[in-house]
């Protein structure tokens, strides 16, 4: 399998032909004959909201943005959960600005009751500005986060959701409280 990335400055809206050749005899190569180099349009506010609402209603995790999460109960204050994890950078839009990469990710902590009603929501807007070396390191480990949630009465599920505002892509993890130690 071959893949490639098109430099943003090359997105001219035109059709570009692709040609793939192999030197080994007897092989058959299948590939698209080309692609249109359209610029990605930023996601609209409506698209971001629709994707976000779909993620918190969905009974399944979303994996468009890699998200690893660990939650543990803590004693003080009572009914508190510590949530820690990492956000993968691979599918985040990170603009290359001459030696630095910058982007934004929104991080949400959502408490829901057993029927899916939202009881509480907290969010953080993370602005990322990384050197190329930091970017390469964080591609491997992800951007880490940690927070404590004092749970509302009736909370059955905690959802951790990340969204790239530029593309409206979502990553989410559903944590049933019954499984938190």
N, C-alpha and C. Protein backbone atom coordinates (compact mmCIF):
# COMPACT_ATOMS: atom_id res chain seq x y z
N UNK A 1 0.85 -1.17 0.00
CA UNK A 1 0.00 0.00 0.00
C UNK A 1 0.89 1.23 0.00
N UNK A 2 0.59 2.15 -0.87
CA UNK A 2 1.31 3.42 -0.93
C UNK A 2 0.37 4.54 -0.53
N UNK A 3 0.91 5.58 0.02
CA UNK A 3 0.13 6.76 0.36
C UNK A 3 1.00 7.98 0.25
N UNK A 4 0.37 9.14 0.22
CA UNK A 4 1.13 10.38 0.16
C UNK A 4 0.28 11.51 0.70
N UNK A 5 0.94 12.57 1.07
CA UNK A 5 0.28 13.78 1.54
C UNK A 5 0.57 14.88 0.54
N UNK A 6 -0.41 15.70 0.27
CA UNK A 6 -0.25 16.82 -0.64
C UNK A 6 0.02 18.07 0.19
N UNK A 7 1.08 18.78 -0.15
CA UNK A 7 1.40 20.03 0.53
C UNK A 7 0.27 21.02 0.32
N UNK A 8 -0.11 21.73 1.38
CA UNK A 8 -1.24 22.68 1.30
C UNK A 8 -1.04 23.71 0.21
N UNK A 9 0.19 24.10 -0.08
CA UNK A 9 0.44 25.10 -1.12
C UNK A 9 0.20 24.55 -2.52
N UNK A 10 0.08 23.23 -2.65
CA UNK A 10 -0.16 22.59 -3.95
C UNK A 10 -1.65 22.35 -4.22
N UNK A 11 -2.51 22.75 -3.32
CA UNK A 11 -3.94 22.53 -3.48
C UNK A 11 -4.50 23.62 -4.40
N UNK A 12 -4.51 23.31 -5.70
CA UNK A 12 -4.87 24.31 -6.71
C UNK A 12 -6.24 24.06 -7.34
N UNK A 13 -6.97 23.04 -6.89
CA UNK A 13 -8.30 22.75 -7.43
C UNK A 13 -8.28 22.00 -8.74
N UNK A 14 -7.12 21.62 -9.23
CA UNK A 14 -6.99 20.96 -10.54
C UNK A 14 -6.84 19.44 -10.36
N UNK A 15 -7.07 18.73 -11.46
CA UNK A 15 -6.86 17.29 -11.49
C UNK A 15 -5.37 17.02 -11.69
N UNK A 16 -4.81 16.11 -10.90
CA UNK A 16 -3.40 15.74 -11.01
C UNK A 16 -3.32 14.24 -11.28
N UNK A 17 -2.60 13.88 -12.32
CA UNK A 17 -2.45 12.48 -12.70
C UNK A 17 -1.46 11.78 -11.79
N UNK A 18 -1.74 10.53 -11.48
CA UNK A 18 -0.84 9.69 -10.71
C UNK A 18 -0.29 8.60 -11.62
N UNK A 19 0.95 8.23 -11.40
CA UNK A 19 1.54 7.14 -12.16
C UNK A 19 2.39 6.31 -11.19
N UNK A 20 2.09 5.04 -11.11
CA UNK A 20 2.83 4.13 -10.24
C UNK A 20 3.41 3.02 -11.10
N UNK A 21 4.72 2.79 -10.96
CA UNK A 21 5.38 1.73 -11.73
C UNK A 21 6.15 0.82 -10.78
N UNK A 22 6.21 -0.45 -11.12
CA UNK A 22 7.01 -1.42 -10.37
C UNK A 22 8.00 -2.06 -11.32
N UNK A 23 9.12 -2.47 -10.80
CA UNK A 23 10.14 -3.06 -11.65
C UNK A 23 10.10 -4.58 -11.67
N UNK A 24 9.38 -5.19 -10.76
CA UNK A 24 9.30 -6.65 -10.72
C UNK A 24 8.32 -7.14 -11.78
N UNK A 25 8.75 -8.10 -12.58
CA UNK A 25 7.90 -8.66 -13.64
C UNK A 25 6.76 -9.48 -13.03
N UNK A 26 5.60 -9.46 -13.69
CA UNK A 26 4.47 -10.28 -13.29
C UNK A 26 3.54 -9.65 -12.26
N UNK A 27 3.86 -8.48 -11.79
CA UNK A 27 2.99 -7.82 -10.81
C UNK A 27 1.99 -6.91 -11.53
N UNK A 28 0.80 -6.85 -10.95
CA UNK A 28 -0.23 -5.97 -11.50
C UNK A 28 -0.47 -4.87 -10.47
N UNK A 29 -0.43 -3.63 -10.91
CA UNK A 29 -0.59 -2.49 -10.02
C UNK A 29 -1.96 -1.88 -10.24
N UNK A 30 -2.69 -1.68 -9.13
CA UNK A 30 -4.00 -1.04 -9.21
C UNK A 30 -3.95 0.23 -8.38
N UNK A 31 -4.35 1.34 -8.98
CA UNK A 31 -4.31 2.61 -8.29
C UNK A 31 -5.22 3.60 -9.01
N UNK A 32 -5.64 4.65 -8.30
CA UNK A 32 -6.45 5.66 -8.98
C UNK A 32 -5.60 6.40 -10.00
N UNK A 33 -6.21 6.86 -11.04
CA UNK A 33 -5.47 7.54 -12.12
C UNK A 33 -5.12 8.98 -11.77
N UNK A 34 -5.68 9.47 -10.67
CA UNK A 34 -5.37 10.83 -10.27
C UNK A 34 -6.26 11.31 -9.15
N UNK A 35 -6.15 12.58 -8.84
CA UNK A 35 -6.93 13.17 -7.76
C UNK A 35 -7.15 14.66 -8.05
N UNK A 36 -8.20 15.20 -7.46
CA UNK A 36 -8.44 16.64 -7.52
C UNK A 36 -7.84 17.26 -6.27
N UNK A 37 -7.05 18.30 -6.44
CA UNK A 37 -6.36 18.95 -5.32
C UNK A 37 -7.20 20.11 -4.79
N UNK A 38 -8.34 19.76 -4.17
CA UNK A 38 -9.20 20.78 -3.60
C UNK A 38 -8.71 21.14 -2.20
N UNK A 39 -8.83 22.41 -1.87
CA UNK A 39 -8.50 22.85 -0.52
C UNK A 39 -9.59 22.36 0.43
N UNK A 40 -9.17 21.91 1.59
CA UNK A 40 -10.14 21.53 2.61
C UNK A 40 -10.75 22.80 3.18
N UNK A 41 -12.04 22.83 3.18
CA UNK A 41 -12.73 23.97 3.77
C UNK A 41 -12.86 23.72 5.27
N UNK A 42 -12.65 24.75 6.07
CA UNK A 42 -12.84 24.56 7.51
C UNK A 42 -14.28 24.13 7.79
N UNK A 43 -14.42 23.32 8.81
CA UNK A 43 -15.76 22.86 9.19
C UNK A 43 -16.58 24.04 9.69
N UNK A 44 -17.84 24.04 9.33
CA UNK A 44 -18.72 25.10 9.79
C UNK A 44 -19.10 24.84 11.25
N UNK A 45 -19.58 25.88 11.91
CA UNK A 45 -20.03 25.73 13.30
C UNK A 45 -21.13 24.68 13.38
N UNK A 46 -22.02 24.67 12.39
CA UNK A 46 -23.11 23.71 12.36
C UNK A 46 -22.58 22.27 12.26
N UNK A 47 -21.57 22.04 11.39
CA UNK A 47 -20.97 20.70 11.27
C UNK A 47 -20.35 20.27 12.58
N UNK A 48 -19.62 21.18 13.23
CA UNK A 48 -18.98 20.86 14.51
C UNK A 48 -20.03 20.47 15.55
N UNK A 49 -21.11 21.25 15.63
CA UNK A 49 -22.16 20.97 16.60
C UNK A 49 -22.86 19.65 16.31
N UNK A 50 -23.16 19.38 15.03
CA UNK A 50 -23.82 18.12 14.66
C UNK A 50 -22.95 16.93 15.00
N UNK A 51 -21.66 16.99 14.69
CA UNK A 51 -20.75 15.88 15.00
C UNK A 51 -20.62 15.68 16.51
N UNK A 52 -20.56 16.79 17.24
CA UNK A 52 -20.46 16.70 18.69
C UNK A 52 -21.70 16.04 19.29
N UNK A 53 -22.88 16.51 18.88
CA UNK A 53 -24.12 15.93 19.40
C UNK A 53 -24.25 14.45 19.02
N UNK A 54 -23.84 14.10 17.81
CA UNK A 54 -23.89 12.70 17.40
C UNK A 54 -22.98 11.86 18.28
N UNK A 55 -21.81 12.39 18.64
CA UNK A 55 -20.86 11.64 19.48
C UNK A 55 -21.42 11.39 20.87
N UNK A 56 -22.11 12.39 21.44
CA UNK A 56 -22.59 12.17 22.82
C UNK A 56 -23.89 11.37 22.86
N UNK A 57 -24.53 11.19 21.72
CA UNK A 57 -25.73 10.34 21.67
C UNK A 57 -25.40 8.90 21.27
N UNK A 58 -24.25 8.72 20.66
CA UNK A 58 -23.86 7.43 20.13
C UNK A 58 -23.48 6.48 21.26
N UNK A 59 -23.96 5.24 21.24
CA UNK A 59 -23.59 4.29 22.28
C UNK A 59 -22.19 3.71 22.09
N UNK A 60 -21.51 4.11 21.01
CA UNK A 60 -20.17 3.60 20.72
C UNK A 60 -19.15 4.74 20.77
N UNK A 61 -17.90 4.38 21.08
CA UNK A 61 -16.81 5.35 21.04
C UNK A 61 -16.57 5.78 19.60
N UNK A 62 -16.01 6.96 19.43
CA UNK A 62 -15.61 7.45 18.11
C UNK A 62 -14.09 7.45 18.05
N UNK A 63 -13.54 7.01 16.93
CA UNK A 63 -12.08 6.86 16.84
C UNK A 63 -11.44 7.71 15.76
N UNK A 64 -12.12 8.74 15.26
CA UNK A 64 -11.52 9.57 14.22
C UNK A 64 -10.27 10.27 14.75
N UNK A 65 -10.28 10.63 16.03
CA UNK A 65 -9.09 11.15 16.72
C UNK A 65 -8.77 10.17 17.83
N UNK A 66 -7.53 9.69 17.85
CA UNK A 66 -7.12 8.72 18.85
C UNK A 66 -7.18 9.33 20.25
N UNK A 67 -7.77 8.58 21.17
CA UNK A 67 -7.96 9.06 22.53
C UNK A 67 -7.82 7.88 23.49
N UNK A 68 -6.86 7.97 24.40
CA UNK A 68 -6.68 6.97 25.44
C UNK A 68 -7.01 7.62 26.77
N UNK A 69 -7.83 6.94 27.58
CA UNK A 69 -8.30 7.55 28.83
C UNK A 69 -8.25 6.52 29.95
N UNK A 70 -7.91 7.01 31.15
CA UNK A 70 -7.96 6.18 32.36
C UNK A 70 -8.68 6.99 33.42
N UNK A 71 -9.62 6.37 34.10
CA UNK A 71 -10.37 7.04 35.16
C UNK A 71 -10.27 6.22 36.44
N UNK A 72 -10.03 6.91 37.55
CA UNK A 72 -9.98 6.26 38.87
C UNK A 72 -10.74 7.11 39.88
N UNK A 73 -11.37 6.45 40.83
CA UNK A 73 -12.07 7.17 41.90
C UNK A 73 -11.02 7.68 42.90
N UNK A 74 -11.27 8.88 43.42
CA UNK A 74 -10.43 9.42 44.48
C UNK A 74 -11.33 9.75 45.66
N UNK A 75 -10.75 9.73 46.88
CA UNK A 75 -11.54 9.90 48.09
C UNK A 75 -11.95 11.34 48.37
N UNK A 76 -11.08 12.28 48.09
CA UNK A 76 -11.34 13.67 48.45
C UNK A 76 -11.38 14.56 47.23
N UNK A 77 -12.38 15.36 47.03
CA UNK A 77 -13.66 15.31 47.74
C UNK A 77 -14.45 14.06 47.35
N UNK A 78 -15.52 13.76 48.09
CA UNK A 78 -16.31 12.55 47.78
C UNK A 78 -16.91 12.61 46.37
N UNK A 79 -17.18 11.45 45.82
CA UNK A 79 -17.77 11.32 44.49
C UNK A 79 -16.93 12.00 43.42
N UNK A 80 -15.62 11.84 43.50
CA UNK A 80 -14.71 12.46 42.54
C UNK A 80 -14.00 11.39 41.74
N UNK A 81 -13.84 11.68 40.46
CA UNK A 81 -13.12 10.79 39.55
C UNK A 81 -11.98 11.58 38.93
N UNK A 82 -10.80 10.98 38.94
CA UNK A 82 -9.66 11.59 38.25
C UNK A 82 -9.57 10.97 36.86
N UNK A 83 -9.56 11.81 35.84
CA UNK A 83 -9.51 11.36 34.46
C UNK A 83 -8.19 11.84 33.86
N UNK A 84 -7.44 10.91 33.28
CA UNK A 84 -6.17 11.25 32.65
C UNK A 84 -6.08 10.50 31.33
N UNK A 85 -5.36 11.07 30.39
CA UNK A 85 -5.22 10.39 29.11
C UNK A 85 -4.34 11.14 28.14
N UNK A 86 -4.42 10.70 26.89
CA UNK A 86 -3.63 11.34 25.84
C UNK A 86 -4.46 11.42 24.56
N UNK A 87 -4.22 12.50 23.83
CA UNK A 87 -4.90 12.78 22.57
C UNK A 87 -3.89 12.59 21.45
N UNK A 88 -4.21 11.71 20.50
CA UNK A 88 -3.32 11.48 19.37
C UNK A 88 -3.33 12.66 18.40
N UNK A 89 -2.18 13.02 17.89
CA UNK A 89 -2.07 14.15 16.97
C UNK A 89 -2.22 13.77 15.50
N UNK A 90 -2.13 12.48 15.21
CA UNK A 90 -2.07 12.04 13.81
C UNK A 90 -3.20 12.60 12.95
N UNK A 91 -4.42 12.64 13.46
CA UNK A 91 -5.56 13.09 12.66
C UNK A 91 -6.03 14.50 13.00
N UNK A 92 -5.21 15.25 13.75
CA UNK A 92 -5.52 16.65 14.01
C UNK A 92 -4.91 17.50 12.91
N UNK A 93 -5.63 18.54 12.53
CA UNK A 93 -5.08 19.47 11.54
C UNK A 93 -4.10 20.38 12.25
N UNK A 94 -2.83 20.23 11.90
CA UNK A 94 -1.75 21.01 12.50
C UNK A 94 -1.04 21.76 11.38
N UNK A 95 -1.22 23.06 11.33
CA UNK A 95 -0.63 23.88 10.28
C UNK A 95 0.87 23.98 10.46
N UNK A 96 1.61 23.76 9.39
CA UNK A 96 3.06 23.90 9.39
C UNK A 96 3.38 25.36 9.12
N UNK A 97 3.99 26.02 10.10
CA UNK A 97 4.28 27.45 9.99
C UNK A 97 5.78 27.69 10.10
N UNK A 98 6.52 27.14 9.14
CA UNK A 98 7.96 27.36 9.10
C UNK A 98 8.70 26.93 10.35
N UNK A 99 8.67 25.68 10.65
CA UNK A 99 9.39 25.15 11.80
C UNK A 99 8.54 24.90 13.02
N UNK A 100 7.32 25.40 13.04
CA UNK A 100 6.41 25.09 14.14
C UNK A 100 5.10 24.56 13.57
N UNK A 101 4.43 23.78 14.37
CA UNK A 101 3.12 23.25 14.01
C UNK A 101 2.12 23.80 15.01
N UNK A 102 1.00 24.29 14.50
CA UNK A 102 0.00 24.81 15.42
C UNK A 102 -1.38 24.26 15.05
N UNK A 103 -2.19 24.11 16.06
CA UNK A 103 -3.54 23.60 15.88
C UNK A 103 -4.33 23.79 17.16
N UNK A 104 -5.57 23.37 17.11
CA UNK A 104 -6.48 23.53 18.25
C UNK A 104 -7.24 22.22 18.43
N UNK A 105 -7.49 21.89 19.67
CA UNK A 105 -8.35 20.75 19.98
C UNK A 105 -9.21 21.13 21.18
N UNK A 106 -10.48 20.77 21.10
CA UNK A 106 -11.41 21.00 22.21
C UNK A 106 -11.58 19.69 22.97
N UNK A 107 -11.46 19.76 24.28
CA UNK A 107 -11.56 18.59 25.16
C UNK A 107 -12.78 18.79 26.06
N UNK A 108 -13.68 17.80 26.06
CA UNK A 108 -14.92 17.87 26.84
C UNK A 108 -15.01 16.70 27.81
N UNK A 109 -15.54 16.99 28.99
CA UNK A 109 -15.88 15.97 29.98
C UNK A 109 -17.39 16.09 30.19
N UNK A 110 -18.10 15.02 29.89
CA UNK A 110 -19.56 15.06 29.93
C UNK A 110 -20.07 13.97 30.86
N UNK A 111 -20.92 14.36 31.80
CA UNK A 111 -21.55 13.40 32.70
C UNK A 111 -22.98 13.17 32.23
N UNK A 112 -23.37 11.89 32.13
CA UNK A 112 -24.71 11.54 31.68
C UNK A 112 -25.35 10.58 32.67
N UNK A 113 -26.68 10.64 32.74
CA UNK A 113 -27.40 9.68 33.57
C UNK A 113 -27.62 8.40 32.76
N UNK A 114 -28.31 7.44 33.35
CA UNK A 114 -28.51 6.13 32.71
C UNK A 114 -29.30 6.20 31.41
N UNK A 115 -30.10 7.25 31.23
CA UNK A 115 -30.88 7.37 29.99
C UNK A 115 -30.19 8.24 28.94
N UNK A 116 -28.99 8.75 29.24
CA UNK A 116 -28.24 9.54 28.27
C UNK A 116 -28.40 11.04 28.41
N UNK A 117 -29.19 11.49 29.37
CA UNK A 117 -29.34 12.94 29.59
C UNK A 117 -28.04 13.52 30.13
N UNK A 118 -27.65 14.67 29.62
CA UNK A 118 -26.43 15.34 30.06
C UNK A 118 -26.70 16.03 31.39
N UNK A 119 -25.90 15.68 32.40
CA UNK A 119 -26.03 16.28 33.73
C UNK A 119 -25.04 17.41 33.93
N UNK A 120 -23.88 17.28 33.29
CA UNK A 120 -22.83 18.28 33.45
C UNK A 120 -21.89 18.19 32.26
N UNK A 121 -21.32 19.34 31.90
CA UNK A 121 -20.36 19.37 30.81
C UNK A 121 -19.30 20.42 31.13
N UNK A 122 -18.05 20.04 30.99
CA UNK A 122 -16.93 20.97 31.16
C UNK A 122 -16.06 20.84 29.92
N UNK A 123 -15.46 21.95 29.51
CA UNK A 123 -14.63 21.89 28.31
C UNK A 123 -13.38 22.73 28.47
N UNK A 124 -12.38 22.37 27.69
CA UNK A 124 -11.11 23.09 27.63
C UNK A 124 -10.73 23.24 26.17
N UNK A 125 -10.30 24.41 25.80
CA UNK A 125 -9.88 24.72 24.43
C UNK A 125 -8.34 24.73 24.45
N UNK A 126 -7.73 23.73 23.85
CA UNK A 126 -6.27 23.61 23.87
C UNK A 126 -5.66 24.16 22.58
N UNK A 127 -4.86 25.20 22.69
CA UNK A 127 -4.12 25.74 21.55
C UNK A 127 -2.73 25.12 21.58
N UNK A 128 -2.38 24.45 20.50
CA UNK A 128 -1.10 23.76 20.43
C UNK A 128 -0.16 24.53 19.50
N UNK A 129 1.05 24.77 19.97
CA UNK A 129 2.10 25.36 19.14
C UNK A 129 3.37 24.61 19.48
N UNK A 130 3.80 23.75 18.55
CA UNK A 130 4.88 22.82 18.81
C UNK A 130 6.01 23.01 17.81
N UNK A 131 7.24 22.86 18.30
CA UNK A 131 8.36 22.81 17.37
C UNK A 131 8.24 21.52 16.58
N UNK A 132 8.96 21.40 15.50
CA UNK A 132 8.90 20.18 14.69
C UNK A 132 9.35 18.98 15.52
N UNK A 133 10.36 19.17 16.38
CA UNK A 133 10.84 18.08 17.23
C UNK A 133 9.76 17.66 18.23
N UNK A 134 9.09 18.64 18.87
CA UNK A 134 8.01 18.33 19.80
C UNK A 134 6.87 17.61 19.08
N UNK A 135 6.54 18.10 17.90
CA UNK A 135 5.46 17.49 17.12
C UNK A 135 5.77 16.02 16.85
N UNK A 136 6.99 15.72 16.42
CA UNK A 136 7.36 14.34 16.14
C UNK A 136 7.30 13.48 17.40
N UNK A 137 7.70 14.03 18.55
CA UNK A 137 7.62 13.28 19.82
C UNK A 137 6.16 13.04 20.22
N UNK A 138 5.32 14.09 20.11
CA UNK A 138 3.92 13.95 20.49
C UNK A 138 3.12 13.08 19.52
N UNK A 139 3.60 12.94 18.30
CA UNK A 139 2.96 11.99 17.38
C UNK A 139 3.02 10.58 17.95
N UNK A 140 4.09 10.28 18.67
CA UNK A 140 4.27 8.95 19.27
C UNK A 140 3.51 8.80 20.58
N UNK A 141 3.54 9.85 21.42
CA UNK A 141 2.98 9.72 22.76
C UNK A 141 1.60 10.35 22.93
N UNK A 142 1.26 11.32 22.11
CA UNK A 142 0.02 12.07 22.27
C UNK A 142 0.20 13.22 23.26
N UNK A 143 -0.76 14.14 23.23
CA UNK A 143 -0.79 15.25 24.17
C UNK A 143 -1.54 14.77 25.41
N UNK A 144 -0.92 14.89 26.58
CA UNK A 144 -1.54 14.36 27.80
C UNK A 144 -2.43 15.40 28.48
N UNK A 145 -3.40 14.89 29.21
CA UNK A 145 -4.30 15.74 29.99
C UNK A 145 -4.66 15.03 31.28
N UNK A 146 -5.10 15.81 32.25
CA UNK A 146 -5.54 15.27 33.54
C UNK A 146 -6.54 16.25 34.13
N UNK A 147 -7.61 15.72 34.71
CA UNK A 147 -8.61 16.57 35.36
C UNK A 147 -9.33 15.75 36.41
N UNK A 148 -9.93 16.44 37.38
CA UNK A 148 -10.77 15.79 38.39
C UNK A 148 -12.20 16.26 38.20
N UNK A 149 -13.11 15.31 38.24
CA UNK A 149 -14.53 15.63 38.10
C UNK A 149 -15.25 15.27 39.39
N UNK A 150 -15.92 16.24 39.98
CA UNK A 150 -16.78 15.93 41.12
C UNK A 150 -18.15 15.62 40.52
N UNK A 151 -18.52 14.35 40.58
CA UNK A 151 -19.68 13.85 39.86
C UNK A 151 -21.00 14.36 40.42
N UNK A 152 -21.91 14.66 39.51
CA UNK A 152 -23.27 15.05 39.87
C UNK A 152 -24.03 13.80 40.31
N UNK A 153 -24.99 13.99 41.18
CA UNK A 153 -25.83 12.87 41.63
C UNK A 153 -26.57 12.30 40.41
N UNK A 154 -26.55 10.98 40.26
CA UNK A 154 -27.22 10.32 39.16
C UNK A 154 -26.33 10.05 37.96
N UNK A 155 -25.07 10.45 38.03
CA UNK A 155 -24.16 10.20 36.91
C UNK A 155 -23.91 8.70 36.75
N UNK A 156 -24.16 8.19 35.56
CA UNK A 156 -23.93 6.77 35.26
C UNK A 156 -22.75 6.60 34.31
N UNK A 157 -22.50 7.62 33.49
CA UNK A 157 -21.48 7.53 32.45
C UNK A 157 -20.73 8.86 32.38
N UNK A 158 -19.42 8.75 32.22
CA UNK A 158 -18.61 9.92 31.90
C UNK A 158 -18.09 9.72 30.49
N UNK A 159 -18.29 10.73 29.65
CA UNK A 159 -17.75 10.69 28.29
C UNK A 159 -16.63 11.71 28.20
N UNK A 160 -15.53 11.29 27.59
CA UNK A 160 -14.45 12.21 27.26
C UNK A 160 -14.48 12.33 25.75
N UNK A 161 -14.59 13.56 25.27
CA UNK A 161 -14.71 13.81 23.83
C UNK A 161 -13.67 14.84 23.44
N UNK A 162 -12.97 14.58 22.33
CA UNK A 162 -12.07 15.58 21.75
C UNK A 162 -12.58 15.89 20.35
N UNK A 163 -12.45 17.16 19.96
CA UNK A 163 -12.89 17.57 18.63
C UNK A 163 -11.88 18.55 18.05
N UNK A 164 -11.56 18.34 16.79
CA UNK A 164 -10.73 19.28 16.04
C UNK A 164 -11.67 20.29 15.42
N UNK A 165 -11.67 21.55 15.87
CA UNK A 165 -12.60 22.53 15.33
C UNK A 165 -12.40 22.80 13.84
N UNK A 166 -11.20 22.57 13.34
CA UNK A 166 -10.92 22.84 11.93
C UNK A 166 -11.62 21.84 11.01
N UNK A 167 -11.73 20.59 11.45
CA UNK A 167 -12.30 19.54 10.60
C UNK A 167 -13.59 18.96 11.14
N UNK A 168 -13.91 19.23 12.37
CA UNK A 168 -15.04 18.70 13.14
C UNK A 168 -14.88 17.21 13.45
N UNK A 169 -13.71 16.64 13.22
CA UNK A 169 -13.46 15.23 13.57
C UNK A 169 -13.54 15.06 15.08
N UNK A 170 -13.96 13.86 15.50
CA UNK A 170 -14.23 13.57 16.91
C UNK A 170 -13.50 12.30 17.34
N UNK A 171 -13.07 12.30 18.57
CA UNK A 171 -12.63 11.10 19.26
C UNK A 171 -13.38 11.06 20.58
N UNK A 172 -13.86 9.90 20.99
CA UNK A 172 -14.60 9.84 22.25
C UNK A 172 -14.40 8.51 22.95
N UNK A 173 -14.49 8.57 24.26
CA UNK A 173 -14.40 7.37 25.09
C UNK A 173 -15.55 7.44 26.09
N UNK A 174 -16.26 6.33 26.24
CA UNK A 174 -17.37 6.24 27.17
C UNK A 174 -16.90 5.43 28.38
N UNK A 175 -17.07 6.03 29.57
CA UNK A 175 -16.60 5.37 30.80
C UNK A 175 -17.81 5.12 31.70
N UNK A 176 -18.30 3.87 31.77
CA UNK A 176 -19.38 3.57 32.71
C UNK A 176 -18.84 3.64 34.14
N UNK A 177 -19.52 4.35 35.03
CA UNK A 177 -19.03 4.51 36.40
C UNK A 177 -18.90 3.18 37.11
N UNK A 178 -19.72 2.22 36.76
CA UNK A 178 -19.65 0.91 37.40
C UNK A 178 -18.30 0.25 37.18
N UNK A 179 -17.56 0.67 36.15
CA UNK A 179 -16.26 0.05 35.85
C UNK A 179 -15.09 0.82 36.42
N UNK A 180 -15.33 1.97 37.02
CA UNK A 180 -14.23 2.76 37.58
C UNK A 180 -13.93 2.24 38.97
N UNK A 181 -12.67 1.94 39.20
CA UNK A 181 -12.24 1.41 40.51
C UNK A 181 -12.13 2.50 41.53
